[in-house]
Amino acid sequence: MSNIIKKVAKQHGVSVKEVRKDIAEMIKVGMSSTDPEAIIFWSQFSGKAPTPEQFISALSKSVVAGT
């Protein structure tokens, strides 16, 4: 997963640290969503914020599964 983060950083001309920060912010916003589908997605993390790698992995599995 860190390769994905490095590629995103390179494509956007920012540091890996900046990409991680942005993902962490998106996670925080997502975890506070009241959307029923979002609640289901975030429930797999038992109320704890996932790492960027865990988030990317879960999101990609969700996309592949069509959920």
C-alpha atoms as a PDB file:
ATOM      1  CA  MET A   1       0.000   0.000   0.000  1.00  0.00           C
ATOM      2  CA  SER A   2       2.832   2.409   0.678  1.00  0.00           C
ATOM      3  CA  ASN A   3       3.694   2.195  -3.031  1.00  0.00           C
ATOM      4  CA  ILE A   4       0.246   3.564  -3.843  1.00  0.00           C
ATOM      5  CA  ILE A   5       0.733   6.448  -1.448  1.00  0.00           C
ATOM      6  CA  LYS A   6       4.164   7.168  -2.948  1.00  0.00           C
ATOM      7  CA  LYS A   7       2.721   7.143  -6.478  1.00  0.00           C
ATOM      8  CA  VAL A   8      -0.069   9.542  -5.508  1.00  0.00           C
ATOM      9  CA  ALA A   9       2.440  11.861  -3.863  1.00  0.00           C
ATOM     10  CA  LYS A  10       4.656  11.843  -6.935  1.00  0.00           C
ATOM     11  CA  GLN A  11       1.735  12.391  -9.343  1.00  0.00           C
ATOM     12  CA  HIS A  12       0.561  15.413  -7.364  1.00  0.00           C
ATOM     13  CA  GLY A  13       3.988  16.821  -6.568  1.00  0.00           C
ATOM     14  CA  VAL A  14       3.564  16.572  -2.811  1.00  0.00           C
ATOM     15  CA  SER A  15       5.221  14.624  -0.030  1.00  0.00           C
ATOM     16  CA  VAL A  16       4.126  11.212   1.194  1.00  0.00           C
ATOM     17  CA  LYS A  17       3.485  12.896   4.541  1.00  0.00           C
ATOM     18  CA  GLU A  18       1.020  15.301   2.879  1.00  0.00           C
ATOM     19  CA  VAL A  19      -0.841  12.436   1.177  1.00  0.00           C
ATOM     20  CA  ARG A  20      -1.073  10.568   4.486  1.00  0.00           C
ATOM     21  CA  LYS A  21      -2.372  13.726   6.176  1.00  0.00           C
ATOM     22  CA  ASP A  22      -5.018  14.196   3.491  1.00  0.00           C
ATOM     23  CA  ILE A  23      -6.137  10.570   3.743  1.00  0.00           C
ATOM     24  CA  ALA A  24      -6.334  10.861   7.546  1.00  0.00           C
ATOM     25  CA  GLU A  25      -8.554  13.933   7.149  1.00  0.00           C
ATOM     26  CA  MET A  26     -10.812  12.066   4.713  1.00  0.00           C
ATOM     27  CA  ILE A  27     -11.031   9.170   7.169  1.00  0.00           C
ATOM     28  CA  LYS A  28     -12.062  11.524   9.964  1.00  0.00           C
ATOM     29  CA  VAL A  29     -14.776  13.103   7.829  1.00  0.00           C
ATOM     30  CA  GLY A  30     -15.982   9.729   6.577  1.00  0.00           C
ATOM     31  CA  MET A  31     -16.183   8.238  10.045  1.00  0.00           C
ATOM     32  CA  SER A  32     -18.492  11.040  11.162  1.00  0.00           C
ATOM     33  CA  SER A  33     -20.899  10.555   8.241  1.00  0.00           C
ATOM     34  CA  THR A  34     -24.521   9.786   8.994  1.00  0.00           C
ATOM     35  CA  ASP A  35     -25.059   8.151   5.606  1.00  0.00           C
ATOM     36  CA  PRO A  36     -26.274   4.556   6.195  1.00  0.00           C
ATOM     37  CA  GLU A  37     -23.870   3.085   3.627  1.00  0.00           C
ATOM     38  CA  ALA A  38     -20.958   4.982   5.143  1.00  0.00           C
ATOM     39  CA  ILE A  39     -21.899   3.774   8.615  1.00  0.00           C
ATOM     40  CA  ILE A  40     -21.808   0.186   7.358  1.00  0.00           C
ATOM     41  CA  PHE A  41     -18.407   0.726   5.706  1.00  0.00           C
ATOM     42  CA  TRP A  42     -16.838   2.366   8.764  1.00  0.00           C
ATOM     43  CA  SER A  43     -18.279  -0.202  11.202  1.00  0.00           C
ATOM     44  CA  GLN A  44     -15.603  -2.684  10.116  1.00  0.00           C
ATOM     45  CA  PHE A  45     -13.054  -0.593  12.011  1.00  0.00           C
ATOM     46  CA  SER A  46     -14.881  -0.847  15.371  1.00  0.00           C
ATOM     47  CA  GLY A  47     -14.837   2.898  15.966  1.00  0.00           C
ATOM     48  CA  LYS A  48     -11.067   3.215  15.581  1.00  0.00           C
ATOM     49  CA  ALA A  49      -9.623   5.234  12.717  1.00  0.00           C
ATOM     50  CA  PRO A  50      -7.820   2.950  10.272  1.00  0.00           C
ATOM     51  CA  THR A  51      -4.362   3.660   8.960  1.00  0.00           C
ATOM     52  CA  PRO A  52      -4.234   5.003   5.406  1.00  0.00           C
ATOM     53  CA  GLU A  53      -3.160   1.539   4.257  1.00  0.00           C
ATOM     54  CA  GLN A  54      -6.067  -0.149   6.046  1.00  0.00           C
ATOM     55  CA  PHE A  55      -8.457   2.397   4.564  1.00  0.00           C
ATOM     56  CA  ILE A  56      -7.155   1.903   1.007  1.00  0.00           C
ATOM     57  CA  SER A  57      -7.332  -1.875   1.389  1.00  0.00           C
ATOM     58  CA  ALA A  58     -10.896  -1.817   2.749  1.00  0.00           C
ATOM     59  CA  LEU A  59     -12.028   0.666   0.115  1.00  0.00           C
ATOM     60  CA  SER A  60     -10.539  -1.353  -2.720  1.00  0.00           C
ATOM     61  CA  LYS A  61     -12.192  -4.548  -1.421  1.00  0.00           C
ATOM     62  CA  SER A  62     -15.491  -2.685  -1.203  1.00  0.00           C
ATOM     63  CA  VAL A  63     -15.152  -1.474  -4.804  1.00  0.00           C
ATOM     64  CA  VAL A  64     -14.283  -4.978  -6.057  1.00  0.00           C
ATOM     65  CA  ALA A  65     -17.253  -6.428  -4.150  1.00  0.00           C
ATOM     66  CA  GLY A  66     -19.527  -3.751  -5.551  1.00  0.00           C
ATOM     67  CA  THR A  67     -20.630  -2.487  -2.143  1.00  0.00           C
END
